[in-house]
Amino acid sequence: MSETAYYNGRVYTSDKDRPVAQAFIVCDGRFKEVGDNNISRGCENKVDLKGQCVIPGLVDSHCHMFAGITEADMDIIYVDSSTKPSELGRMLSELAGEKEYEEGETIAAMGIDLTRGEFSAENIDGYISDHPVIVFSDDGHALLLNSKAMETLGIDENTKDPGEHSYFARNGSGIPTGLVIEIPAMMQCKKLLANKKSNPSEILKLLSKQYASYGYTTVFEAMSSDSEDDGLFEVLKNLSDRNELKLRISTSFCYHGEDGVDPETAIKILRTLRDSYSGTVVFNNTLKIIVDGTIEEHSALLYEPYSDSKGSCGNLMIPEADMERIIRMAGDAGFNIHVHAIGDRAAGIALRILNSLGEISGTKTIAHNQLYGNEEIKAITGTRDIFFQTTPHWVEADDFTFNALGKKRYEMQFPMHTMIKNDVPVSFGSDSCLDENTADPFRGMYFAVSRGEASSGDMCFPPKSEGISREEALLAYTINGARQLKLSSETGSIEEGKSADFVILDRDIMNCTLEELKTTSVKKTFFHGEQVYGTGVQSD
């Protein structure tokens, strides 16, 4: 039995019974004891933390880790989000010319804002016509194809749209323009992403190390699969069985409702994933549902029309009756339920359905939660068993959202403090695969806290009353995320008996300045007692 005592630290545990400690003992990958420096007496192997700040291993409660495999496999081109339609083809041609592509290989790009102007295949065809091209919108809810890509996929005037609110945009003659709107229709373009030049096992191990560099030891992959033929689950299981995956991963199955997979089939697939492909650090136990789209695409579902688009209230992606049916089936089968809802009406629908389930053995989560009215606040605070999951970086103010929502609704976004003061569990995630703007949890804490500071001016969405404390931000990145994933008995806090997941930082995040909080960096990350990021731990 191997024991190591870490002492003389500033340890923020995320344990409500002992929020701050000086020392802890790790034994065979678990926390054996947590307390003051006296507990280190008698341990032969000791590490003097020398006053350094230690926090629990962080939880990314909503990310898209698997997208990183696609990015690595496709050698993604990154395009500036402000690129205009008239500039796109030339820019892609220049950037693609710096890379080597085999005959017929797909050229993939991302980062562009497809809501800016009328994008179409014609913007690309004059520059690239011999390779399929797929360009992802920066919000993940639209993409653009060139004509070669549509030809490869067989998309033409006879192609059926998955549903009313997810479709292939068309011109006046009914011919697809190349613009593809929302997830169900986008999923029909997956064939273009199957280059498979890389080894997904090696990419997953590399991504695990990159997550550890931010302090993450647990992630929730929020769009893992929407079909039963995804080989990544077998790869994950094999890595877990061989103890080669140094990251705890919870996965999801996404039900669209419009793409031919009925609720019974979806539950059957979920059972197979859970029963056949889970492992010691892999948990395939979550149903993902998408209620609406995004503010950027004007597809987030609102009660009142968008201020800059009179008459449009956004889109409901799945009929309420179908949504309620699959959610109830998943709840009865013991799965966690994770619901994407951005607009206030979408949140209202999700809350009505989740509250109607009563108590279930899995967890209930609404993700993103951008716009909330008084009725939605009453609905979520009435039960306190629904997780309010979001990305704190998104509270940074912008003119686009102000124009889209108008002043009144602009001041009703992301009510984090309201949730916390009403005992609603708030969890934070990146909604990305290591995107530099949202993956950094300390930058996320900075925005969540700065929102309430007078010194931040108009940097964040109002009102100032929705800013939260540093302690609350840490809980959102640790124990609350673990609870959301139903993993709080294993991780999320520095507590006796739990996996020894912890992070040593370069500064005390509770006492440094806000600007210093934003630039906090990870010195070392430990997963199950094993150092998985950083260099050299000096023993006494």
Protein backbone atom coordinates (compact mmCIF):
# COMPACT_ATOMS: atom_id res chain seq x y z
CA MET A 1 0.00 0.00 0.00
CA SER A 2 1.62 3.25 -1.21
CA GLU A 3 0.92 6.49 0.68
CA THR A 4 1.98 10.07 -0.07
CA ALA A 5 1.18 13.07 2.11
CA TYR A 6 0.84 16.48 0.46
CA TYR A 7 1.09 19.22 3.07
CA ASN A 8 1.59 22.94 3.62
CA GLY A 9 -0.84 23.88 0.85
CA ARG A 10 -3.84 26.13 0.35
CA VAL A 11 -6.33 23.41 -0.56
CA TYR A 12 -9.83 24.36 -1.76
CA THR A 13 -11.68 21.09 -1.52
CA SER A 14 -15.23 21.79 -2.87
CA ASP A 15 -16.37 19.80 0.19
CA LYS A 16 -19.02 21.81 2.04
CA ASP A 17 -18.04 20.22 5.36
CA ARG A 18 -14.36 21.16 4.98
CA PRO A 19 -14.02 23.77 2.23
CA VAL A 20 -10.36 24.60 3.00
CA ALA A 21 -7.54 22.30 4.13
CA GLN A 22 -3.78 22.31 4.43
CA ALA A 23 -2.96 18.71 3.61
CA PHE A 24 -4.21 15.41 2.26
CA ILE A 25 -2.93 11.86 1.99
CA VAL A 26 -3.16 9.84 -1.22
CA CYS A 27 -3.19 6.05 -0.90
CA ASP A 28 -3.47 3.74 -3.90
CA GLY A 29 -5.05 6.42 -6.07
CA ARG A 30 -7.56 7.70 -3.50
CA PHE A 31 -7.76 10.40 -0.86
CA LYS A 32 -7.20 8.61 2.44
CA GLU A 33 -7.37 11.66 4.69
CA VAL A 34 -7.87 15.43 4.38
CA GLY A 35 -7.10 17.96 7.10
CA ASP A 36 -4.35 20.13 8.58
CA ASN A 37 -0.61 19.60 8.35
CA ASN A 38 -0.61 17.24 11.31
CA ILE A 39 -2.02 14.41 9.21
CA SER A 40 1.27 14.20 7.31
CA ARG A 41 3.15 13.04 10.41
CA GLY A 42 4.09 9.41 10.14
CA CYS A 43 4.06 9.38 6.31
CA GLU A 44 7.44 8.41 4.95
CA ASN A 45 6.69 9.86 1.52
CA LYS A 46 5.79 13.56 1.78
CA VAL A 47 5.45 16.45 -0.65
CA ASP A 48 5.78 20.02 0.63
CA LEU A 49 3.35 22.11 -1.39
CA LYS A 50 5.09 25.26 -0.14
CA GLY A 51 1.86 27.24 0.08
CA GLN A 52 0.70 26.41 -3.43
CA CYS A 53 -3.01 26.44 -4.30
CA VAL A 54 -4.64 23.04 -4.84
CA ILE A 55 -8.14 22.41 -6.20
CA PRO A 56 -10.08 19.26 -7.15
CA GLY A 57 -9.78 17.89 -10.67
CA LEU A 58 -12.07 20.02 -12.82
CA VAL A 59 -15.16 18.81 -14.67
CA ASP A 60 -16.07 20.06 -18.16
CA SER A 61 -19.80 19.43 -17.87
CA HIS A 62 -20.56 19.98 -21.57
CA CYS A 63 -17.86 19.65 -24.21
CA HIS A 64 -17.35 18.23 -27.68
CA MET A 65 -14.20 16.21 -27.23
CA PHE A 66 -14.98 13.88 -30.14
CA ALA A 67 -14.92 16.88 -32.48
CA GLY A 68 -11.22 17.00 -31.70
CA ILE A 69 -10.81 13.63 -33.38
CA THR A 70 -12.48 14.98 -36.50
CA GLU A 71 -10.35 18.13 -36.39
CA ALA A 72 -7.16 16.08 -36.16
CA ASP A 73 -8.32 13.63 -38.82
CA MET A 74 -9.42 16.32 -41.28
CA ASP A 75 -6.58 18.80 -40.73
CA ILE A 76 -9.15 21.54 -40.24
CA ILE A 77 -8.70 24.99 -41.79
CA TYR A 78 -9.66 27.83 -39.44
CA VAL A 79 -11.42 30.78 -41.02
CA ASP A 80 -11.94 34.19 -39.45
CA SER A 81 -15.52 34.55 -38.20
CA SER A 82 -15.93 37.91 -39.97
CA THR A 83 -15.20 36.47 -43.44
CA LYS A 84 -17.70 37.70 -46.04
CA PRO A 85 -19.30 35.48 -48.70
CA SER A 86 -17.32 37.18 -51.46
CA GLU A 87 -14.06 36.46 -49.61
CA LEU A 88 -14.67 32.85 -48.60
CA GLY A 89 -13.63 30.94 -51.73
CA ARG A 90 -10.38 32.83 -52.22
CA MET A 91 -9.46 32.48 -48.55
CA LEU A 92 -10.18 28.73 -48.51
CA SER A 93 -8.21 28.21 -51.71
CA GLU A 94 -5.18 30.03 -50.30
CA LEU A 95 -5.28 28.18 -46.97
CA ALA A 96 -5.91 24.79 -48.61
CA GLY A 97 -2.96 25.42 -50.92
CA GLU A 98 -0.68 25.27 -47.88
CA LYS A 99 -1.73 21.67 -47.22
CA GLU A 100 -1.57 18.41 -49.18
CA TYR A 101 -4.83 16.70 -50.15
CA GLU A 102 -5.32 13.39 -51.90
CA GLU A 103 -7.57 13.18 -54.93
CA GLY A 104 -11.20 13.61 -53.88
CA GLU A 105 -10.30 14.25 -50.23
CA THR A 106 -12.60 16.57 -48.30
CA ILE A 107 -11.38 20.04 -47.39
CA ALA A 108 -12.90 21.02 -44.04
CA ALA A 109 -12.98 24.44 -42.39
CA MET A 110 -14.60 25.98 -39.35
CA GLY A 111 -14.96 29.20 -37.42
CA ILE A 112 -16.99 31.21 -39.90
CA ASP A 113 -20.18 33.01 -38.89
CA LEU A 114 -22.71 31.78 -41.45
CA THR A 115 -25.33 34.25 -40.20
CA ARG A 116 -23.37 37.11 -41.80
CA GLY A 117 -24.69 37.48 -45.34
CA GLU A 118 -26.09 34.96 -47.80
CA PHE A 119 -23.51 32.19 -48.09
CA SER A 120 -23.86 29.56 -50.82
CA ALA A 121 -21.85 26.94 -52.72
CA GLU A 122 -21.19 29.53 -55.41
CA ASN A 123 -18.91 31.39 -52.99
CA ILE A 124 -16.55 28.38 -53.09
CA ASP A 125 -17.09 26.73 -56.48
CA GLY A 126 -15.12 29.29 -58.50
CA TYR A 127 -12.02 28.56 -56.42
CA ILE A 128 -12.39 24.89 -55.38
CA SER A 129 -14.40 22.50 -57.56
CA ASP A 130 -12.37 19.26 -57.57
CA HIS A 131 -12.58 18.58 -53.81
CA PRO A 132 -15.63 18.39 -51.56
CA VAL A 133 -15.60 21.36 -49.16
CA ILE A 134 -17.46 21.53 -45.84
CA VAL A 135 -17.40 24.70 -43.71
CA PHE A 136 -18.79 24.67 -40.18
CA SER A 137 -20.44 27.72 -38.66
CA ASP A 138 -18.77 28.99 -35.50
CA ASP A 139 -21.87 28.25 -33.40
CA GLY A 140 -22.03 24.60 -34.53
CA HIS A 141 -25.60 24.83 -35.85
CA ALA A 142 -25.04 25.30 -39.59
CA LEU A 143 -22.58 24.36 -42.30
CA LEU A 144 -21.85 25.20 -45.91
CA LEU A 145 -21.08 22.78 -48.76
CA ASN A 146 -19.63 23.42 -52.19
CA SER A 147 -21.20 21.78 -55.26
CA LYS A 148 -18.68 18.92 -55.25
CA ALA A 149 -19.64 18.10 -51.64
CA MET A 150 -23.35 18.08 -52.51
CA GLU A 151 -22.62 15.85 -55.48
CA THR A 152 -20.64 13.46 -53.27
CA LEU A 153 -23.49 13.30 -50.76
CA GLY A 154 -26.21 13.06 -53.39
CA ILE A 155 -27.92 16.25 -52.21
CA ASP A 156 -30.12 17.72 -54.93
CA GLU A 157 -33.63 19.08 -55.47
CA ASN A 158 -35.09 15.68 -54.59
CA THR A 159 -33.37 15.45 -51.20
CA LYS A 160 -35.86 15.42 -48.36
CA ASP A 161 -35.34 17.79 -45.45
CA PRO A 162 -35.16 16.05 -42.05
CA GLY A 163 -37.80 18.43 -40.68
CA GLU A 164 -39.35 21.85 -40.82
CA HIS A 165 -36.60 23.48 -38.78
CA SER A 166 -33.59 21.49 -39.97
CA TYR A 167 -33.16 21.64 -43.70
CA PHE A 168 -31.10 22.19 -46.81
CA ALA A 169 -31.52 25.83 -47.84
CA ARG A 170 -32.83 26.20 -51.41
CA ASN A 171 -33.12 28.88 -54.07
CA GLY A 172 -36.36 29.94 -55.72
CA SER A 173 -36.25 26.87 -58.00
CA GLY A 174 -35.90 24.44 -55.09
CA ILE A 175 -32.22 23.70 -55.77
CA PRO A 176 -30.06 23.36 -52.60
CA THR A 177 -27.74 26.34 -52.19
CA GLY A 178 -25.17 24.49 -50.07
CA LEU A 179 -26.23 26.00 -46.74
CA VAL A 180 -27.33 23.33 -44.24
CA ILE A 181 -29.28 24.39 -41.18
CA GLU A 182 -29.32 22.65 -37.77
CA ILE A 183 -28.11 19.32 -36.43
CA PRO A 184 -30.39 16.68 -38.09
CA ALA A 185 -29.62 17.92 -41.60
CA MET A 186 -25.96 18.46 -40.71
CA MET A 187 -25.70 14.84 -39.56
CA GLN A 188 -26.57 13.73 -43.09
CA CYS A 189 -23.23 15.21 -44.15
CA LYS A 190 -21.11 13.01 -41.86
CA LYS A 191 -19.88 10.94 -44.81
CA LEU A 192 -17.61 13.84 -45.78
CA LEU A 193 -15.78 13.56 -42.45
CA ALA A 194 -14.77 9.90 -42.83
CA ASN A 195 -11.20 10.39 -44.00
CA LYS A 196 -9.89 8.21 -41.14
CA LYS A 197 -6.25 8.99 -41.78
CA SER A 198 -5.48 9.12 -38.07
CA ASN A 199 -5.57 6.70 -35.16
CA PRO A 200 -8.52 7.72 -32.92
CA SER A 201 -7.00 5.87 -29.97
CA GLU A 202 -3.84 7.96 -30.12
CA ILE A 203 -5.81 11.16 -30.65
CA LEU A 204 -7.96 10.44 -27.60
CA LYS A 205 -4.87 9.91 -25.47
CA LEU A 206 -3.42 13.17 -26.76
CA LEU A 207 -6.66 15.03 -26.10
CA SER A 208 -6.72 13.62 -22.56
CA LYS A 209 -3.33 15.20 -21.91
CA GLN A 210 -4.51 18.50 -23.37
CA TYR A 211 -7.58 18.50 -21.11
CA ALA A 212 -5.27 17.80 -18.17
CA SER A 213 -3.25 20.91 -19.08
CA TYR A 214 -6.37 22.93 -18.18
CA GLY A 215 -6.90 20.94 -14.98
CA TYR A 216 -9.76 18.77 -16.25
CA THR A 217 -9.94 15.18 -15.02
CA THR A 218 -13.57 14.53 -16.06
CA VAL A 219 -15.53 15.57 -19.15
CA PHE A 220 -19.03 15.13 -20.53
CA GLU A 221 -19.03 14.58 -24.31
CA ALA A 222 -22.35 16.18 -25.20
CA MET A 223 -22.72 14.99 -28.79
CA SER A 224 -21.01 11.60 -28.77
CA SER A 225 -23.17 9.83 -31.34
CA ASP A 226 -26.55 9.74 -33.01
CA SER A 227 -26.28 6.20 -34.41
CA GLU A 228 -25.36 2.70 -33.30
CA ASP A 229 -22.40 2.27 -35.67
CA ASP A 230 -19.95 4.64 -33.99
CA GLY A 231 -16.68 2.76 -33.46
CA LEU A 232 -15.39 5.35 -30.98
CA PHE A 233 -17.21 3.62 -28.13
CA GLU A 234 -15.21 0.44 -28.67
CA VAL A 235 -12.01 2.51 -28.80
CA LEU A 236 -12.92 4.17 -25.49
CA LYS A 237 -13.72 0.85 -23.87
CA ASN A 238 -10.41 -0.66 -24.98
CA LEU A 239 -8.45 2.34 -23.70
CA SER A 240 -10.27 2.15 -20.38
CA ASP A 241 -9.67 -1.60 -20.04
CA ARG A 242 -5.95 -1.12 -20.73
CA ASN A 243 -5.71 1.78 -18.25
CA GLU A 244 -4.47 4.03 -21.03
CA LEU A 245 -7.17 6.69 -20.72
CA LYS A 246 -6.09 9.25 -18.14
CA LEU A 247 -9.39 11.10 -18.14
CA ARG A 248 -12.89 10.22 -16.97
CA ILE A 249 -15.34 10.48 -19.89
CA SER A 250 -19.12 10.49 -19.76
CA THR A 251 -20.78 10.18 -23.18
CA SER A 252 -24.20 10.78 -24.72
CA PHE A 253 -26.51 9.55 -27.45
CA CYS A 254 -28.25 12.41 -29.29
CA TYR A 255 -31.89 11.89 -30.31
CA HIS A 256 -33.11 14.18 -33.11
CA GLY A 257 -36.63 12.89 -33.56
CA GLU A 258 -36.67 13.79 -37.23
CA ASP A 259 -34.00 11.51 -38.65
CA GLY A 260 -35.64 8.10 -38.62
CA VAL A 261 -34.52 6.80 -35.21
CA ASP A 262 -37.66 6.24 -33.15
CA PRO A 263 -37.67 6.39 -29.32
CA GLU A 264 -37.63 2.61 -28.90
CA THR A 265 -34.57 2.28 -31.15
CA ALA A 266 -32.84 5.16 -29.36
CA ILE A 267 -33.33 3.53 -25.95
CA LYS A 268 -32.12 0.21 -27.31
CA ILE A 269 -28.94 1.87 -28.61
CA LEU A 270 -28.43 3.62 -25.27
CA ARG A 271 -28.74 0.31 -23.42
CA THR A 272 -26.19 -1.29 -25.73
CA LEU A 273 -23.73 1.57 -25.26
CA ARG A 274 -24.15 1.49 -21.49
CA ASP A 275 -24.05 -2.27 -21.06
CA SER A 276 -21.40 -3.16 -23.62
CA TYR A 277 -19.02 -0.21 -23.87
CA SER A 278 -18.77 1.37 -20.43
CA GLY A 279 -15.51 0.98 -18.51
CA THR A 280 -13.81 2.02 -15.31
CA VAL A 281 -13.42 5.59 -16.57
CA VAL A 282 -16.01 5.58 -19.37
CA PHE A 283 -19.72 6.10 -18.65
CA ASN A 284 -22.17 5.78 -21.54
CA ASN A 285 -25.35 6.76 -19.75
CA THR A 286 -26.87 10.01 -21.07
CA LEU A 287 -29.65 10.90 -23.51
CA LYS A 288 -29.08 14.21 -25.28
CA ILE A 289 -32.06 16.17 -26.64
CA ILE A 290 -31.94 19.40 -28.67
CA VAL A 291 -35.01 21.61 -28.15
CA ASP A 292 -33.98 24.66 -30.17
CA GLY A 293 -31.06 26.30 -31.94
CA THR A 294 -29.03 29.42 -31.15
CA ILE A 295 -29.49 33.18 -30.90
CA GLU A 296 -26.82 33.58 -33.60
CA GLU A 297 -28.86 31.57 -36.12
CA HIS A 298 -32.13 33.13 -34.87
CA SER A 299 -33.24 29.54 -34.22
CA ALA A 300 -33.34 29.71 -30.41
CA LEU A 301 -37.01 29.38 -29.47
CA LEU A 302 -38.48 32.57 -27.95
CA TYR A 303 -41.92 33.56 -26.69
CA GLU A 304 -41.73 36.88 -28.53
CA PRO A 305 -40.17 37.60 -31.96
CA TYR A 306 -36.54 38.56 -32.35
CA SER A 307 -36.11 42.33 -32.13
CA ASP A 308 -34.18 42.49 -35.41
CA SER A 309 -36.30 39.92 -37.25
CA LYS A 310 -39.96 40.75 -36.76
CA GLY A 311 -42.25 37.74 -36.88
CA SER A 312 -39.56 35.12 -36.20
CA CYS A 313 -39.58 33.40 -32.80
CA GLY A 314 -37.05 30.67 -33.61
CA ASN A 315 -37.53 26.93 -34.00
CA LEU A 316 -38.69 23.94 -31.98
CA MET A 317 -36.50 21.07 -33.19
CA ILE A 318 -38.60 18.17 -31.94
CA PRO A 319 -42.40 18.13 -31.44
CA GLU A 320 -43.20 18.39 -27.74
CA ALA A 321 -45.10 15.10 -27.66
CA ASP A 322 -42.16 13.21 -29.19
CA MET A 323 -39.74 14.94 -26.86
CA GLU A 324 -41.78 14.07 -23.81
CA ARG A 325 -42.07 10.45 -24.88
CA ILE A 326 -38.34 9.80 -25.38
CA ILE A 327 -37.39 11.72 -22.21
CA ARG A 328 -39.87 9.72 -20.14
CA MET A 329 -38.59 6.45 -21.60
CA ALA A 330 -34.99 7.44 -20.84
CA GLY A 331 -35.90 8.44 -17.30
CA ASP A 332 -37.68 5.14 -16.70
CA ALA A 333 -34.62 3.27 -18.03
CA GLY A 334 -32.27 5.00 -15.56
CA PHE A 335 -30.40 7.28 -17.96
CA ASN A 336 -29.22 10.82 -17.31
CA ILE A 337 -31.10 13.38 -19.42
CA HIS A 338 -29.30 16.36 -20.95
CA VAL A 339 -31.43 18.94 -22.78
CA HIS A 340 -30.14 21.76 -25.01
CA ALA A 341 -32.29 24.88 -24.50
CA ILE A 342 -31.21 28.43 -25.34
CA GLY A 343 -34.38 30.51 -25.70
CA ASP A 344 -36.90 31.26 -22.95
CA ARG A 345 -39.68 29.25 -24.58
CA ALA A 346 -37.31 26.32 -25.13
CA ALA A 347 -36.36 26.45 -21.44
CA GLY A 348 -40.04 26.52 -20.52
CA ILE A 349 -40.79 23.41 -22.59
CA ALA A 350 -37.77 21.55 -21.21
CA LEU A 351 -38.67 22.46 -17.63
CA ARG A 352 -42.28 21.37 -18.03
CA ILE A 353 -41.25 17.96 -19.33
CA LEU A 354 -38.43 17.39 -16.84
CA ASN A 355 -40.55 18.48 -13.89
CA SER A 356 -43.32 16.12 -14.99
CA LEU A 357 -40.96 13.14 -14.56
CA GLY A 358 -40.79 13.52 -10.80
CA GLU A 359 -37.90 11.68 -9.16
CA ILE A 360 -35.76 9.49 -11.43
CA SER A 361 -32.60 7.50 -10.81
CA GLY A 362 -30.61 9.46 -13.42
CA THR A 363 -29.98 13.19 -13.42
CA LYS A 364 -31.88 15.97 -15.20
CA THR A 365 -29.91 18.77 -16.84
CA ILE A 366 -30.74 21.74 -19.03
CA ALA A 367 -27.70 22.94 -20.97
CA HIS A 368 -26.86 26.52 -22.01
CA ASN A 369 -29.86 28.31 -20.40
CA GLN A 370 -29.28 31.64 -22.08
CA LEU A 371 -32.65 33.34 -21.69
CA TYR A 372 -34.93 32.98 -18.66
CA GLY A 373 -38.13 34.80 -17.74
CA ASN A 374 -39.84 34.83 -14.36
CA GLU A 375 -41.94 31.74 -15.15
CA GLU A 376 -38.87 29.70 -16.11
CA ILE A 377 -37.12 30.79 -12.92
CA LYS A 378 -40.13 29.66 -10.89
CA ALA A 379 -40.20 26.33 -12.73
CA ILE A 380 -36.55 25.46 -12.13
CA THR A 381 -36.33 26.74 -8.56
CA GLY A 382 -39.50 24.92 -7.55
CA THR A 383 -37.88 21.47 -7.57
CA ARG A 384 -34.10 22.11 -7.35
CA ASP A 385 -33.39 18.71 -8.97
CA ILE A 386 -32.57 20.09 -12.43
CA PHE A 387 -28.99 21.13 -13.19
CA PHE A 388 -28.47 24.57 -14.72
CA GLN A 389 -25.49 23.92 -17.01
CA THR A 390 -23.86 26.71 -18.99
CA THR A 391 -20.65 28.25 -20.33
CA PRO A 392 -19.60 31.27 -18.22
CA HIS A 393 -17.50 32.84 -20.98
CA TRP A 394 -20.74 33.63 -22.82
CA VAL A 395 -21.67 36.44 -20.43
CA GLU A 396 -19.26 38.70 -22.34
CA ALA A 397 -21.36 41.48 -23.85
CA ASP A 398 -21.85 41.91 -27.60
CA ASP A 399 -23.91 44.15 -29.88
CA PHE A 400 -25.30 41.27 -31.96
CA THR A 401 -27.16 39.77 -29.00
CA PHE A 402 -28.44 43.18 -27.89
CA ASN A 403 -29.88 43.81 -31.35
CA ALA A 404 -31.35 40.31 -31.60
CA LEU A 405 -33.07 40.32 -28.20
CA GLY A 406 -33.67 43.98 -27.41
CA LYS A 407 -32.86 45.72 -24.13
CA LYS A 408 -35.36 43.95 -21.86
CA ARG A 409 -34.41 40.40 -22.84
CA TYR A 410 -30.72 41.35 -23.10
CA GLU A 411 -30.85 41.88 -19.33
CA MET A 412 -32.48 38.47 -18.66
CA GLN A 413 -29.64 36.22 -19.81
CA PHE A 414 -27.74 33.57 -17.83
CA PRO A 415 -29.26 34.12 -14.35
CA MET A 416 -26.46 32.28 -12.55
CA HIS A 417 -26.68 34.04 -9.18
CA THR A 418 -30.46 33.69 -9.13
CA MET A 419 -30.05 29.95 -9.57
CA ILE A 420 -27.42 29.63 -6.85
CA LYS A 421 -29.32 31.66 -4.26
CA ASN A 422 -32.33 29.40 -4.88
CA ASP A 423 -30.24 26.23 -4.42
CA VAL A 424 -30.35 25.23 -8.09
CA PRO A 425 -27.09 23.39 -8.91
CA VAL A 426 -25.06 25.34 -11.48
CA SER A 427 -22.38 23.56 -13.52
CA PHE A 428 -19.92 25.00 -16.04
CA GLY A 429 -18.53 23.60 -19.30
CA SER A 430 -16.76 24.73 -22.45
CA ASP A 431 -19.22 23.63 -25.18
CA SER A 432 -16.14 23.06 -27.34
CA CYS A 433 -13.18 20.84 -27.93
CA LEU A 434 -10.39 22.80 -26.29
CA ASP A 435 -11.29 26.04 -28.03
CA GLU A 436 -8.94 28.64 -26.57
CA ASN A 437 -11.84 31.03 -25.90
CA THR A 438 -13.94 28.67 -23.79
CA ALA A 439 -11.81 25.72 -22.68
CA ASP A 440 -9.84 27.70 -20.07
CA PRO A 441 -11.81 27.29 -16.81
CA PHE A 442 -10.01 30.16 -15.07
CA ARG A 443 -11.00 32.53 -17.83
CA GLY A 444 -14.53 31.20 -17.35
CA MET A 445 -14.35 31.89 -13.60
CA TYR A 446 -13.10 35.39 -14.41
CA PHE A 447 -16.16 36.23 -16.51
CA ALA A 448 -18.62 34.69 -14.03
CA VAL A 449 -17.13 36.74 -11.18
CA SER A 450 -16.36 39.95 -13.12
CA ARG A 451 -19.97 40.16 -14.22
CA GLY A 452 -20.86 41.33 -10.72
CA GLU A 453 -17.98 43.77 -10.29
CA ALA A 454 -18.48 47.50 -10.79
CA SER A 455 -14.95 47.71 -12.17
CA SER A 456 -15.89 45.51 -15.15
CA GLY A 457 -18.10 48.26 -16.58
CA ASP A 458 -20.13 47.04 -19.57
CA MET A 459 -17.85 44.10 -20.33
CA CYS A 460 -20.52 41.53 -19.39
CA PHE A 461 -24.26 41.11 -19.84
CA PRO A 462 -26.29 42.98 -17.22
CA PRO A 463 -27.48 42.88 -14.52
CA LYS A 464 -24.56 43.08 -12.10
CA SER A 465 -26.64 41.12 -9.60
CA GLU A 466 -26.07 37.92 -11.62
CA GLY A 467 -22.33 37.87 -10.92
CA ILE A 468 -21.18 35.05 -8.63
CA SER A 469 -18.33 34.47 -6.17
CA ARG A 470 -15.07 32.66 -6.84
CA GLU A 471 -16.09 29.88 -4.47
CA GLU A 472 -19.35 29.40 -6.39
CA ALA A 473 -17.48 29.35 -9.70
CA LEU A 474 -15.13 26.65 -8.42
CA LEU A 475 -18.09 24.54 -7.27
CA ALA A 476 -19.61 24.89 -10.75
CA TYR A 477 -16.42 23.47 -12.28
CA THR A 478 -16.01 20.68 -9.72
CA ILE A 479 -18.58 19.01 -7.45
CA ASN A 480 -21.64 20.34 -9.28
CA GLY A 481 -20.36 18.99 -12.60
CA ALA A 482 -19.61 15.65 -10.95
CA ARG A 483 -23.11 15.55 -9.48
CA GLN A 484 -24.60 16.36 -12.90
CA LEU A 485 -22.82 13.34 -14.36
CA LYS A 486 -23.79 11.20 -11.37
CA LEU A 487 -20.11 10.79 -10.50
CA SER A 488 -19.91 12.76 -7.26
CA SER A 489 -19.18 9.65 -5.17
CA GLU A 490 -16.02 9.23 -7.26
CA THR A 491 -14.77 12.75 -8.02
CA GLY A 492 -15.53 16.47 -7.84
CA SER A 493 -14.07 17.21 -4.40
CA ILE A 494 -11.01 16.49 -2.30
CA GLU A 495 -12.66 14.13 0.16
CA GLU A 496 -11.77 10.91 1.90
CA GLY A 497 -12.50 7.86 -0.26
CA LYS A 498 -12.72 9.65 -3.59
CA SER A 499 -10.39 9.29 -6.54
CA ALA A 500 -7.29 11.42 -5.98
CA ASP A 501 -8.02 13.90 -8.77
CA PHE A 502 -6.40 17.24 -7.97
CA VAL A 503 -4.68 20.21 -9.56
CA ILE A 504 -1.78 22.37 -8.38
CA LEU A 505 -2.04 25.97 -9.63
CA ASP A 506 0.47 28.78 -10.04
CA ARG A 507 -1.51 31.14 -7.79
CA ASP A 508 -4.19 31.30 -5.09
CA ILE A 509 -7.37 31.77 -7.12
CA MET A 510 -9.39 32.89 -4.11
CA ASN A 511 -7.05 35.74 -3.19
CA CYS A 512 -5.37 36.94 -6.38
CA THR A 513 -6.69 39.90 -8.38
CA LEU A 514 -9.37 39.30 -11.01
CA GLU A 515 -6.89 39.92 -13.81
CA GLU A 516 -4.57 37.36 -12.23
CA LEU A 517 -7.46 34.88 -11.96
CA LYS A 518 -8.01 35.16 -15.72
CA THR A 519 -4.41 34.16 -16.47
CA THR A 520 -4.11 31.35 -13.91
CA SER A 521 -2.22 28.34 -15.22
CA VAL A 522 -1.99 24.71 -14.18
CA LYS A 523 1.35 23.50 -12.85
CA LYS A 524 0.40 19.84 -12.30
CA THR A 525 -2.70 17.68 -12.74
CA PHE A 526 -3.24 14.34 -11.00
CA PHE A 527 -5.78 11.72 -12.03
CA HIS A 528 -6.42 8.84 -9.64
CA GLY A 529 -3.23 9.82 -7.84
CA GLU A 530 -1.10 9.70 -10.98
CA GLN A 531 0.49 12.86 -12.32
CA VAL A 532 -0.83 13.29 -15.88
CA TYR A 533 0.35 16.85 -16.58
CA GLY A 534 3.34 18.92 -15.48
CA THR A 535 6.84 18.05 -14.48
CA GLY A 536 8.54 16.74 -11.35
CA VAL A 537 6.97 16.41 -7.91
CA GLN A 538 9.66 16.90 -5.31
CA SER A 539 9.38 14.60 -2.28
CA ASP A 540 10.85 15.52 1.10
